Amino acid sequence: MLVDTRHNKLTEAVIGCAMRVHKTLGTGFQEVIYQRSLAIEMREAGLVFAREIEMPLFYKGVEVGSRRVDFLVEECVLVELKALHELTKTHHAQIINYLEAYQLEVGLLINFGEPSLKFKRFLKNHPRSLG
């Protein structure tokens, strides 16, 4: 599957901002503290983003509700933050489901709760990208 280089640059920039936050704050804070700090870093990095915005959820192309997302960067990269001792497969499934429900292509799951910053990039699967 070919990945848009714009997404790569955006996710790399967000991860760099998250690394600076984690290096400065370390672990032990509530998610909202990391969220506010990451917003400062992303603003300083010149990223265009929305924080805690209500986004529509879709099922089979039909809007069925809405939910707040931690960050939407450049209107195309979903960023979900956690401040947990460890991430599980359930957290991975959550962001994959969010990409589908929000009709987005790329998501980042970032965990500030471990001694080293943990992050994972997710790409929404498309039938057209197979083969």
C-alpha atoms as a PDB file:
ATOM      1  CA  MET A   1       0.000   0.000   0.000  1.00  0.00           C
ATOM      2  CA  LEU A   2       1.307   3.439  -0.902  1.00  0.00           C
ATOM      3  CA  VAL A   3       1.196   5.925   1.929  1.00  0.00           C
ATOM      4  CA  ASP A   4       0.768   9.632   1.325  1.00  0.00           C
ATOM      5  CA  THR A   5       4.080  11.311   2.245  1.00  0.00           C
ATOM      6  CA  ARG A   6       2.082  14.212   3.706  1.00  0.00           C
ATOM      7  CA  HIS A   7       0.705  11.794   6.312  1.00  0.00           C
ATOM      8  CA  ASN A   8       4.229  10.577   7.076  1.00  0.00           C
ATOM      9  CA  LYS A   9       5.479  14.120   7.631  1.00  0.00           C
ATOM     10  CA  LEU A  10       2.496  15.003   9.796  1.00  0.00           C
ATOM     11  CA  THR A  11       2.742  11.906  11.966  1.00  0.00           C
ATOM     12  CA  GLU A  12       6.501  12.390  12.354  1.00  0.00           C
ATOM     13  CA  ALA A  13       5.926  16.011  13.410  1.00  0.00           C
ATOM     14  CA  VAL A  14       3.258  15.039  15.954  1.00  0.00           C
ATOM     15  CA  ILE A  15       5.445  12.247  17.363  1.00  0.00           C
ATOM     16  CA  GLY A  16       8.347  14.704  17.700  1.00  0.00           C
ATOM     17  CA  CYS A  17       6.090  17.082  19.636  1.00  0.00           C
ATOM     18  CA  ALA A  18       4.919  14.211  21.864  1.00  0.00           C
ATOM     19  CA  MET A  19       8.530  13.211  22.537  1.00  0.00           C
ATOM     20  CA  ARG A  20       9.329  16.740  23.707  1.00  0.00           C
ATOM     21  CA  VAL A  21       6.324  16.705  26.040  1.00  0.00           C
ATOM     22  CA  HIS A  22       7.260  13.306  27.465  1.00  0.00           C
ATOM     23  CA  LYS A  23      10.902  14.325  27.910  1.00  0.00           C
ATOM     24  CA  THR A  24       9.818  17.421  29.832  1.00  0.00           C
ATOM     25  CA  LEU A  25       6.949  16.011  31.930  1.00  0.00           C
ATOM     26  CA  GLY A  26       7.768  12.316  32.215  1.00  0.00           C
ATOM     27  CA  THR A  27       5.007  10.015  33.433  1.00  0.00           C
ATOM     28  CA  GLY A  28       2.370  10.274  36.132  1.00  0.00           C
ATOM     29  CA  PHE A  29       0.066  13.053  34.945  1.00  0.00           C
ATOM     30  CA  GLN A  30      -3.528  12.871  33.802  1.00  0.00           C
ATOM     31  CA  GLU A  31      -4.203  12.638  30.083  1.00  0.00           C
ATOM     32  CA  VAL A  32      -5.544  16.204  29.956  1.00  0.00           C
ATOM     33  CA  ILE A  33      -2.156  17.597  31.089  1.00  0.00           C
ATOM     34  CA  TYR A  34      -0.408  15.812  28.217  1.00  0.00           C
ATOM     35  CA  GLN A  35      -3.134  16.948  25.844  1.00  0.00           C
ATOM     36  CA  ARG A  36      -2.705  20.620  26.791  1.00  0.00           C
ATOM     37  CA  SER A  37       1.088  20.323  26.638  1.00  0.00           C
ATOM     38  CA  LEU A  38       0.984  18.607  23.243  1.00  0.00           C
ATOM     39  CA  ALA A  39      -1.223  21.416  21.951  1.00  0.00           C
ATOM     40  CA  ILE A  40       1.465  23.932  22.954  1.00  0.00           C
ATOM     41  CA  GLU A  41       4.186  21.907  21.202  1.00  0.00           C
ATOM     42  CA  MET A  42       2.135  21.423  18.027  1.00  0.00           C
ATOM     43  CA  ARG A  43       1.279  25.124  17.902  1.00  0.00           C
ATOM     44  CA  GLU A  44       4.979  25.994  18.241  1.00  0.00           C
ATOM     45  CA  ALA A  45       5.763  23.484  15.463  1.00  0.00           C
ATOM     46  CA  GLY A  46       3.322  25.269  13.154  1.00  0.00           C
ATOM     47  CA  LEU A  47       0.864  22.388  12.893  1.00  0.00           C
ATOM     48  CA  VAL A  48      -2.769  23.172  12.194  1.00  0.00           C
ATOM     49  CA  PHE A  49      -4.984  21.164  14.516  1.00  0.00           C
ATOM     50  CA  ALA A  50      -8.243  21.087  16.413  1.00  0.00           C
ATOM     51  CA  ARG A  51      -8.403  19.800  19.993  1.00  0.00           C
ATOM     52  CA  GLU A  52     -11.401  18.151  21.667  1.00  0.00           C
ATOM     53  CA  ILE A  53     -13.679  18.671  18.698  1.00  0.00           C
ATOM     54  CA  GLU A  54     -16.967  16.904  18.197  1.00  0.00           C
ATOM     55  CA  MET A  55     -16.792  14.772  15.058  1.00  0.00           C
ATOM     56  CA  PRO A  56     -19.576  12.858  13.329  1.00  0.00           C
ATOM     57  CA  LEU A  57     -19.530   9.046  13.461  1.00  0.00           C
ATOM     58  CA  PHE A  58     -20.612   7.035  10.433  1.00  0.00           C
ATOM     59  CA  TYR A  59     -22.011   3.556   9.964  1.00  0.00           C
ATOM     60  CA  LYS A  60     -22.218   2.339   6.366  1.00  0.00           C
ATOM     61  CA  GLY A  61     -21.901   5.918   5.200  1.00  0.00           C
ATOM     62  CA  VAL A  62     -24.738   7.204   7.391  1.00  0.00           C
ATOM     63  CA  GLU A  63     -24.094   9.588  10.274  1.00  0.00           C
ATOM     64  CA  VAL A  64     -25.167   7.851  13.492  1.00  0.00           C
ATOM     65  CA  GLY A  65     -23.806  10.130  16.187  1.00  0.00           C
ATOM     66  CA  SER A  66     -20.738  12.040  17.277  1.00  0.00           C
ATOM     67  CA  ARG A  67     -17.838  11.890  19.718  1.00  0.00           C
ATOM     68  CA  ARG A  68     -15.017  14.154  20.785  1.00  0.00           C
ATOM     69  CA  VAL A  69     -11.540  13.379  19.476  1.00  0.00           C
ATOM     70  CA  ASP A  70      -8.340  14.351  21.263  1.00  0.00           C
ATOM     71  CA  PHE A  71      -6.791  15.968  18.170  1.00  0.00           C
ATOM     72  CA  LEU A  72      -7.414  16.209  14.466  1.00  0.00           C
ATOM     73  CA  VAL A  73      -4.237  17.418  12.736  1.00  0.00           C
ATOM     74  CA  GLU A  74      -4.421  19.114   9.331  1.00  0.00           C
ATOM     75  CA  GLU A  75      -7.984  17.757   9.028  1.00  0.00           C
ATOM     76  CA  CYS A  76      -6.652  14.282   8.189  1.00  0.00           C
ATOM     77  CA  VAL A  77      -4.701  12.679  11.071  1.00  0.00           C
ATOM     78  CA  LEU A  78      -6.555  11.494  14.163  1.00  0.00           C
ATOM     79  CA  VAL A  79      -4.458  11.623  17.356  1.00  0.00           C
ATOM     80  CA  GLU A  80      -5.662   9.655  20.363  1.00  0.00           C
ATOM     81  CA  LEU A  81      -3.797  10.140  23.656  1.00  0.00           C
ATOM     82  CA  LYS A  82      -3.517   7.828  26.626  1.00  0.00           C
ATOM     83  CA  ALA A  83      -1.742   8.082  29.983  1.00  0.00           C
ATOM     84  CA  LEU A  84      -1.743   4.396  30.949  1.00  0.00           C
ATOM     85  CA  HIS A  85       0.805   1.936  32.322  1.00  0.00           C
ATOM     86  CA  GLU A  86       0.587   0.041  29.033  1.00  0.00           C
ATOM     87  CA  LEU A  87      -1.445  -0.104  25.848  1.00  0.00           C
ATOM     88  CA  THR A  88      -3.406  -3.211  24.957  1.00  0.00           C
ATOM     89  CA  LYS A  89      -4.846  -4.688  21.779  1.00  0.00           C
ATOM     90  CA  THR A  90      -8.162  -3.168  22.861  1.00  0.00           C
ATOM     91  CA  HIS A  91      -6.653   0.318  22.533  1.00  0.00           C
ATOM     92  CA  HIS A  92      -5.334  -0.609  19.084  1.00  0.00           C
ATOM     93  CA  ALA A  93      -8.769  -1.864  18.051  1.00  0.00           C
ATOM     94  CA  GLN A  94     -10.311   1.336  19.381  1.00  0.00           C
ATOM     95  CA  ILE A  95      -8.305   3.591  17.071  1.00  0.00           C
ATOM     96  CA  ILE A  96      -8.869   1.312  14.077  1.00  0.00           C
ATOM     97  CA  ASN A  97     -12.602   1.523  14.787  1.00  0.00           C
ATOM     98  CA  TYR A  98     -12.353   5.306  15.141  1.00  0.00           C
ATOM     99  CA  LEU A  99     -10.713   5.623  11.728  1.00  0.00           C
ATOM    100  CA  GLU A 100     -13.570   3.703  10.175  1.00  0.00           C
ATOM    101  CA  ALA A 101     -16.296   5.542  12.074  1.00  0.00           C
ATOM    102  CA  TYR A 102     -14.787   8.993  11.436  1.00  0.00           C
ATOM    103  CA  GLN A 103     -13.945   8.152   7.822  1.00  0.00           C
ATOM    104  CA  LEU A 104     -10.268   9.092   8.274  1.00  0.00           C
ATOM    105  CA  GLU A 105      -7.189   7.468   6.751  1.00  0.00           C
ATOM    106  CA  VAL A 106      -4.459   7.823   9.401  1.00  0.00           C
ATOM    107  CA  GLY A 107      -4.406   7.725  13.176  1.00  0.00           C
ATOM    108  CA  LEU A 108      -1.808   7.960  15.919  1.00  0.00           C
ATOM    109  CA  LEU A 109      -2.143   6.327  19.305  1.00  0.00           C
ATOM    110  CA  ILE A 110       0.247   7.944  21.796  1.00  0.00           C
ATOM    111  CA  ASN A 111       0.762   6.782  25.371  1.00  0.00           C
ATOM    112  CA  PHE A 112       2.476   9.084  27.874  1.00  0.00           C
ATOM    113  CA  GLY A 113       2.045   6.716  30.819  1.00  0.00           C
ATOM    114  CA  GLU A 114       5.095   4.513  30.280  1.00  0.00           C
ATOM    115  CA  PRO A 115       8.736   5.329  31.124  1.00  0.00           C
ATOM    116  CA  SER A 116       9.420   5.701  27.372  1.00  0.00           C
ATOM    117  CA  LEU A 117       6.867   7.340  25.105  1.00  0.00           C
ATOM    118  CA  LYS A 118       4.924   4.698  23.183  1.00  0.00           C
ATOM    119  CA  PHE A 119       3.222   5.443  19.882  1.00  0.00           C
ATOM    120  CA  LYS A 120       1.771   3.563  16.966  1.00  0.00           C
ATOM    121  CA  ARG A 121       0.544   4.750  13.580  1.00  0.00           C
ATOM    122  CA  PHE A 122      -2.567   3.159  12.109  1.00  0.00           C
ATOM    123  CA  LEU A 123      -3.724   3.222   8.500  1.00  0.00           C
ATOM    124  CA  LYS A 124      -7.303   2.552   7.563  1.00  0.00           C
ATOM    125  CA  ASN A 125      -7.610  -0.491   5.319  1.00  0.00           C
ATOM    126  CA  HIS A 126      -9.306  -0.044   1.994  1.00  0.00           C
ATOM    127  CA  PRO A 127     -10.456  -2.774  -0.351  1.00  0.00           C
ATOM    128  CA  ARG A 128      -8.985  -0.807  -3.258  1.00  0.00           C
ATOM    129  CA  SER A 129      -5.497  -0.985  -1.706  1.00  0.00           C
ATOM    130  CA  LEU A 130      -5.455  -4.778  -1.783  1.00  0.00           C
ATOM    131  CA  GLY A 131      -3.643  -6.697  -4.511  1.00  0.00           C
END
